[in-house]
């Protein structure tokens, strides 16, 4: 069975917070994102970069996928951030404010140079593009197709709604952007990540938005508080009925293969490859998240 990498939860971690750096791994999100950009004050950029570097070298983070959100390469901090993150062994570099495919190609060239200089295997550093503007949404397909290193694209809601001269509301203001980013990701066969939900006291609102993201087809969601991890994982967990049906689908597929049959059927209905692949993902989610409560 071929399983995909689960990226339901991507927890933002301010790289300037020594306390959070020392404890964040215990919350077990699917990915941890060390943030060197918006969460770090200008006067703390250099110290945050150093703390991020040493945190990534700590064995406690080796069992989690590690992502570093660098500052834009056009700023004085972007290239030093990138040098430190790649040399420290970050799994993924997240590029903020990605407006065009050219932005991603510039990042790719710099990452390849750093890998060669520091002896890291070529291609081992993956990339993620953050779509934060109308231009980024319009160019989402080109961005998603720009680099074989790209593992996903994320929609960043706050900057996008500011660029669109609106504000966060019931989700209507993000609907086109969500669909555009998601379709671009699926066309490129990469992951798509939904926006941060900023109201930490509105648990019901968070669950509603997470449900919408799951139904649309997003692989996961960016988070800013560990309390949201369990809630999100439960949203992505299959129901008992879904898990039971998935088990029957795979049992039928295995039986057909064992008997040398070219056609798989269950309860008189044909089962094709997409249904089998979905069943595998459902059982993977059940094994990781449990059954939805």
Protein backbone atom coordinates (compact mmCIF):
# COMPACT_ATOMS: atom_id res chain seq x y z
CA UNK A 1 0.00 0.00 0.00
CA UNK A 2 1.42 3.39 -1.01
CA UNK A 3 0.65 6.01 1.64
CA UNK A 4 0.82 9.76 1.26
CA UNK A 5 2.45 12.08 3.76
CA UNK A 6 -0.20 13.43 6.10
CA UNK A 7 -0.05 17.18 6.52
CA UNK A 8 -3.31 17.94 8.28
CA UNK A 9 -1.74 20.32 10.79
CA UNK A 10 1.10 22.76 10.21
CA UNK A 11 1.82 24.60 13.46
CA UNK A 12 3.39 28.06 13.27
CA UNK A 13 6.16 28.50 15.83
CA UNK A 14 7.71 31.96 16.39
CA UNK A 15 11.42 31.28 16.09
CA UNK A 16 12.10 34.09 18.56
CA UNK A 17 10.34 32.22 21.40
CA UNK A 18 12.81 30.05 23.28
CA UNK A 19 10.01 28.61 25.43
CA UNK A 20 7.99 27.45 22.42
CA UNK A 21 11.07 26.11 20.64
CA UNK A 22 11.81 23.90 23.62
CA UNK A 23 8.33 22.38 23.92
CA UNK A 24 6.45 22.58 20.58
CA UNK A 25 7.41 19.07 19.45
CA UNK A 26 5.40 17.48 22.28
CA UNK A 27 2.13 18.59 20.66
CA UNK A 28 2.80 16.31 17.66
CA UNK A 29 1.46 18.30 14.73
CA UNK A 30 2.13 16.75 11.34
CA UNK A 31 4.53 19.61 10.54
CA UNK A 32 6.13 22.37 12.59
CA UNK A 33 6.81 25.68 10.90
CA UNK A 34 9.57 27.82 12.36
CA UNK A 35 8.48 31.37 11.55
CA UNK A 36 11.20 33.95 10.90
CA UNK A 37 8.90 36.41 9.16
CA UNK A 38 5.75 38.05 10.56
CA UNK A 39 6.00 36.54 14.05
CA UNK A 40 9.46 38.01 14.65
CA UNK A 41 10.18 41.68 15.39
CA UNK A 42 12.90 43.40 13.36
CA UNK A 43 15.24 43.68 16.33
CA UNK A 44 14.95 39.92 16.93
CA UNK A 45 15.50 38.66 13.38
CA UNK A 46 19.14 37.67 13.85
CA UNK A 47 18.66 35.98 17.23
CA UNK A 48 15.56 34.13 15.99
CA UNK A 49 17.53 32.80 13.03
CA UNK A 50 20.23 31.48 15.36
CA UNK A 51 17.69 29.85 17.67
CA UNK A 52 15.95 28.24 14.69
CA UNK A 53 19.27 26.83 13.49
CA UNK A 54 20.07 25.21 16.83
CA UNK A 55 16.51 23.92 17.28
CA UNK A 56 16.61 22.15 13.92
CA UNK A 57 19.83 20.41 14.96
CA UNK A 58 18.09 19.02 18.04
CA UNK A 59 17.14 15.32 17.68
CA UNK A 60 13.67 15.97 19.14
CA UNK A 61 12.64 17.61 15.87
CA UNK A 62 13.96 14.85 13.64
CA UNK A 63 10.75 12.82 13.86
CA UNK A 64 8.58 15.71 12.62
CA UNK A 65 8.50 17.41 9.26
CA UNK A 66 10.17 20.78 9.77
CA UNK A 67 9.28 23.86 7.74
CA UNK A 68 10.95 27.27 7.92
CA UNK A 69 9.12 30.38 6.79
CA UNK A 70 11.90 32.71 5.73
CA UNK A 71 11.62 36.43 5.11
CA UNK A 72 11.23 37.44 1.44
CA UNK A 73 14.49 37.19 -0.48
CA UNK A 74 14.18 40.87 -1.43
CA UNK A 75 14.67 41.84 2.24
CA UNK A 76 18.03 41.91 4.06
CA UNK A 77 16.93 38.90 6.11
CA UNK A 78 15.76 36.50 3.40
CA UNK A 79 19.04 35.05 2.17
CA UNK A 80 20.61 34.68 5.65
CA UNK A 81 17.40 32.92 6.74
CA UNK A 82 17.63 30.56 3.79
CA UNK A 83 21.32 29.80 4.35
CA UNK A 84 20.69 28.92 8.00
CA UNK A 85 17.57 26.84 7.33
CA UNK A 86 19.07 24.72 4.55
CA UNK A 87 22.34 24.18 6.41
CA UNK A 88 20.45 23.19 9.57
CA UNK A 89 18.52 20.53 7.67
CA UNK A 90 15.02 21.98 7.34
CA UNK A 91 12.77 19.66 5.35
CA UNK A 92 10.81 22.47 3.67
CA UNK A 93 11.33 26.19 2.99
CA UNK A 94 8.15 28.27 2.90
CA UNK A 95 8.40 31.36 0.72
CA UNK A 96 6.03 34.13 1.82
CA UNK A 97 4.32 36.53 -0.56
CA UNK A 98 4.80 34.36 -3.65
CA UNK A 99 3.30 36.37 -6.51
CA UNK A 100 4.84 34.73 -9.58
CA UNK A 101 6.60 31.56 -10.69
CA UNK A 102 9.78 33.65 -11.00
CA UNK A 103 9.76 34.17 -7.22
CA UNK A 104 9.86 30.43 -6.72
CA UNK A 105 12.53 29.86 -9.37
CA UNK A 106 14.79 32.39 -7.62
CA UNK A 107 14.32 30.51 -4.36
CA UNK A 108 15.00 27.17 -6.06
CA UNK A 109 18.29 28.44 -7.52
CA UNK A 110 19.47 29.71 -4.15
CA UNK A 111 18.53 26.47 -2.38
CA UNK A 112 20.40 24.41 -4.96
CA UNK A 113 23.49 26.59 -4.53
CA UNK A 114 23.42 26.23 -0.75
CA UNK A 115 22.92 22.46 -0.90
CA UNK A 116 25.95 22.15 -3.16
CA UNK A 117 28.13 24.34 -0.93
CA UNK A 118 27.20 22.68 2.38
CA UNK A 119 27.16 19.10 1.07
CA UNK A 120 23.48 18.46 1.53
CA UNK A 121 22.02 16.02 -1.07
CA UNK A 122 20.74 17.86 -4.10
CA UNK A 123 16.96 18.09 -4.09
CA UNK A 124 16.57 17.14 -0.42
CA UNK A 125 15.19 20.57 0.52
CA UNK A 126 11.55 20.88 -0.50
CA UNK A 127 9.70 24.15 -1.13
CA UNK A 128 6.31 25.58 -0.27
CA UNK A 129 4.78 28.72 -1.77
CA UNK A 130 2.50 30.99 0.27
CA UNK A 131 -0.13 32.76 -1.83
CA UNK A 132 -0.94 36.08 -0.16
CA UNK A 133 -2.20 38.44 -2.88
CA UNK A 134 -4.52 38.76 -5.86
CA UNK A 135 -1.48 38.36 -8.13
CA UNK A 136 -0.51 35.14 -6.40
CA UNK A 137 -4.02 33.73 -6.79
CA UNK A 138 -4.15 34.67 -10.49
CA UNK A 139 -0.73 33.04 -11.03
CA UNK A 140 -1.42 30.02 -8.80
CA UNK A 141 -1.20 27.42 -11.57
CA UNK A 142 2.13 28.74 -12.86
CA UNK A 143 3.46 28.87 -9.30
CA UNK A 144 2.31 25.33 -8.54
CA UNK A 145 4.00 24.01 -11.69
CA UNK A 146 7.23 26.02 -11.28
CA UNK A 147 9.51 23.57 -9.48
CA UNK A 148 9.75 19.82 -8.88
CA UNK A 149 10.87 20.70 -5.34
CA UNK A 150 7.47 22.22 -4.57
CA UNK A 151 5.52 20.03 -2.13
CA UNK A 152 2.59 22.37 -1.59
CA UNK A 153 1.02 25.80 -1.78
CA UNK A 154 -0.70 27.59 1.06
CA UNK A 155 -3.25 30.37 1.07
CA UNK A 156 -2.46 33.12 3.61
CA UNK A 157 -5.78 34.76 4.39
CA UNK A 158 -4.88 37.96 6.23
CA UNK A 159 -2.62 39.55 3.61
CA UNK A 160 -4.90 38.34 0.83
CA UNK A 161 -8.03 40.02 2.19
CA UNK A 162 -6.06 43.23 2.80
CA UNK A 163 -4.88 43.14 -0.81
CA UNK A 164 -8.49 42.58 -1.92
CA UNK A 165 -9.62 45.56 0.19
CA UNK A 166 -11.96 43.47 2.31
CA UNK A 167 -11.79 41.63 5.64
CA UNK A 168 -12.26 38.16 7.11
CA UNK A 169 -15.92 37.20 7.47
CA UNK A 170 -17.99 34.09 6.85
CA UNK A 171 -15.57 32.71 4.25
CA UNK A 172 -17.26 34.23 1.19
CA UNK A 173 -14.31 36.62 0.83
CA UNK A 174 -11.91 33.65 0.48
CA UNK A 175 -14.01 31.30 -1.64
CA UNK A 176 -12.50 32.12 -5.05
CA UNK A 177 -8.96 32.16 -3.69
CA UNK A 178 -9.44 28.82 -1.93
CA UNK A 179 -10.77 27.21 -5.10
CA UNK A 180 -8.02 28.71 -7.29
CA UNK A 181 -5.20 27.58 -4.97
CA UNK A 182 -6.72 24.15 -4.50
CA UNK A 183 -7.22 23.54 -8.23
CA UNK A 184 -3.66 24.68 -8.94
CA UNK A 185 -2.32 22.26 -6.33
CA UNK A 186 -4.34 19.35 -7.68
CA UNK A 187 -3.26 20.09 -11.26
CA UNK A 188 0.36 20.02 -10.11
CA UNK A 189 -0.23 16.97 -7.86
CA UNK A 190 1.00 18.75 -4.74
CA UNK A 191 -0.59 19.53 -1.37
CA UNK A 192 -2.80 22.52 -0.56
CA UNK A 193 -3.08 24.21 2.85
CA UNK A 194 -5.90 26.38 4.12
CA UNK A 195 -5.61 29.67 6.00
CA UNK A 196 -4.96 30.29 9.69
CA UNK A 197 -8.04 30.75 11.87
CA UNK A 198 -7.11 33.60 14.18
CA UNK A 199 -9.81 33.61 16.88
CA UNK A 200 -8.44 31.20 19.46
CA UNK A 201 -11.53 31.50 21.65
CA UNK A 202 -13.98 30.51 18.91
CA UNK A 203 -13.64 26.73 18.90
CA UNK A 204 -16.92 26.19 17.06
CA UNK A 205 -15.91 28.67 14.36
CA UNK A 206 -12.57 26.92 13.94
CA UNK A 207 -14.27 23.54 13.52
CA UNK A 208 -16.69 24.96 10.92
CA UNK A 209 -13.81 26.42 8.92
CA UNK A 210 -11.79 23.20 9.21
CA UNK A 211 -14.82 21.23 7.99
CA UNK A 212 -15.09 23.52 4.98
CA UNK A 213 -11.39 23.09 4.18
CA UNK A 214 -11.69 19.31 4.39
CA UNK A 215 -14.81 19.22 2.20
CA UNK A 216 -13.19 21.43 -0.42
CA UNK A 217 -10.23 19.05 -0.53
CA UNK A 218 -7.42 20.82 1.32
CA UNK A 219 -4.77 18.48 2.73
CA UNK A 220 -4.62 20.46 5.93
CA UNK A 221 -4.55 23.81 7.62
CA UNK A 222 -2.00 26.21 9.06
CA UNK A 223 -2.39 26.64 12.83
CA UNK A 224 -1.21 29.21 15.36
CA UNK A 225 -2.06 27.42 18.61
CA UNK A 226 -1.43 23.85 19.77
CA UNK A 227 -5.01 23.66 21.12
CA UNK A 228 -6.22 23.53 17.52
CA UNK A 229 -4.25 20.39 16.60
CA UNK A 230 -6.52 17.78 18.18
CA UNK A 231 -9.64 19.57 16.92
CA UNK A 232 -8.27 19.61 13.38
CA UNK A 233 -7.13 15.99 13.41
CA UNK A 234 -10.58 14.94 14.57
CA UNK A 235 -12.18 16.84 11.67
CA UNK A 236 -9.95 14.91 9.25
CA UNK A 237 -10.57 11.55 10.96
CA UNK A 238 -13.01 9.23 9.15
CA UNK A 239 -16.26 8.07 10.70
CA UNK A 240 -16.65 4.46 11.77
CA UNK A 241 -18.86 3.83 8.72
CA UNK A 242 -16.28 5.34 6.35
CA UNK A 243 -13.49 3.22 7.84
CA UNK A 244 -15.59 0.05 7.64
CA UNK A 245 -16.49 0.69 3.99
CA UNK A 246 -12.85 1.44 3.14
CA UNK A 247 -11.84 -1.88 4.68
CA UNK A 248 -14.41 -3.71 2.53
CA UNK A 249 -13.18 -1.92 -0.61
CA UNK A 250 -9.57 -2.96 -0.01
CA UNK A 251 -10.59 -6.50 0.88
CA UNK A 252 -12.49 -6.75 -2.42
CA UNK A 253 -9.51 -5.33 -4.32
CA UNK A 254 -7.12 -7.79 -2.67
CA UNK A 255 -9.45 -10.69 -3.42
CA UNK A 256 -9.73 -9.68 -7.09
CA UNK A 257 -5.95 -9.43 -7.41
CA UNK A 258 -5.48 -12.77 -5.68
CA UNK A 259 -7.98 -14.43 -8.04
CA UNK A 260 -6.45 -12.80 -11.10
CA UNK A 261 -9.55 -10.78 -11.88
CA UNK A 262 -9.24 -7.57 -13.87
CA UNK A 263 -12.45 -6.14 -12.46
CA UNK A 264 -13.15 -5.34 -8.83
CA UNK A 265 -16.70 -5.20 -7.52
CA UNK A 266 -18.35 -4.75 -4.15
CA UNK A 267 -22.04 -5.33 -3.53
CA UNK A 268 -22.64 -5.38 -7.26
CA UNK A 269 -20.87 -2.07 -7.90
CA UNK A 270 -17.67 -1.60 -9.88
CA UNK A 271 -14.65 -0.31 -7.95
CA UNK A 272 -11.99 1.57 -9.88
CA UNK A 273 -8.53 2.84 -8.95
CA UNK A 274 -9.61 6.26 -7.54
CA UNK A 275 -12.04 4.53 -5.15
CA UNK A 276 -9.34 2.11 -4.03
CA UNK A 277 -6.86 4.95 -3.50
CA UNK A 278 -9.41 6.87 -1.47
CA UNK A 279 -10.05 3.79 0.68
CA UNK A 280 -6.33 3.54 1.39
CA UNK A 281 -6.24 7.16 2.48
CA UNK A 282 -9.30 6.69 4.71
CA UNK A 283 -7.62 3.79 6.50
CA UNK A 284 -4.39 5.75 6.78
CA UNK A 285 -6.31 8.59 8.43
CA UNK A 286 -8.06 6.12 10.73
CA UNK A 287 -4.72 4.65 11.79
CA UNK A 288 -3.26 8.09 12.44
CA UNK A 289 -6.24 10.08 13.73
CA UNK A 290 -8.50 7.35 15.05
CA UNK A 291 -12.22 7.31 14.41
CA UNK A 292 -14.02 10.64 14.35
CA UNK A 293 -15.72 11.54 17.61
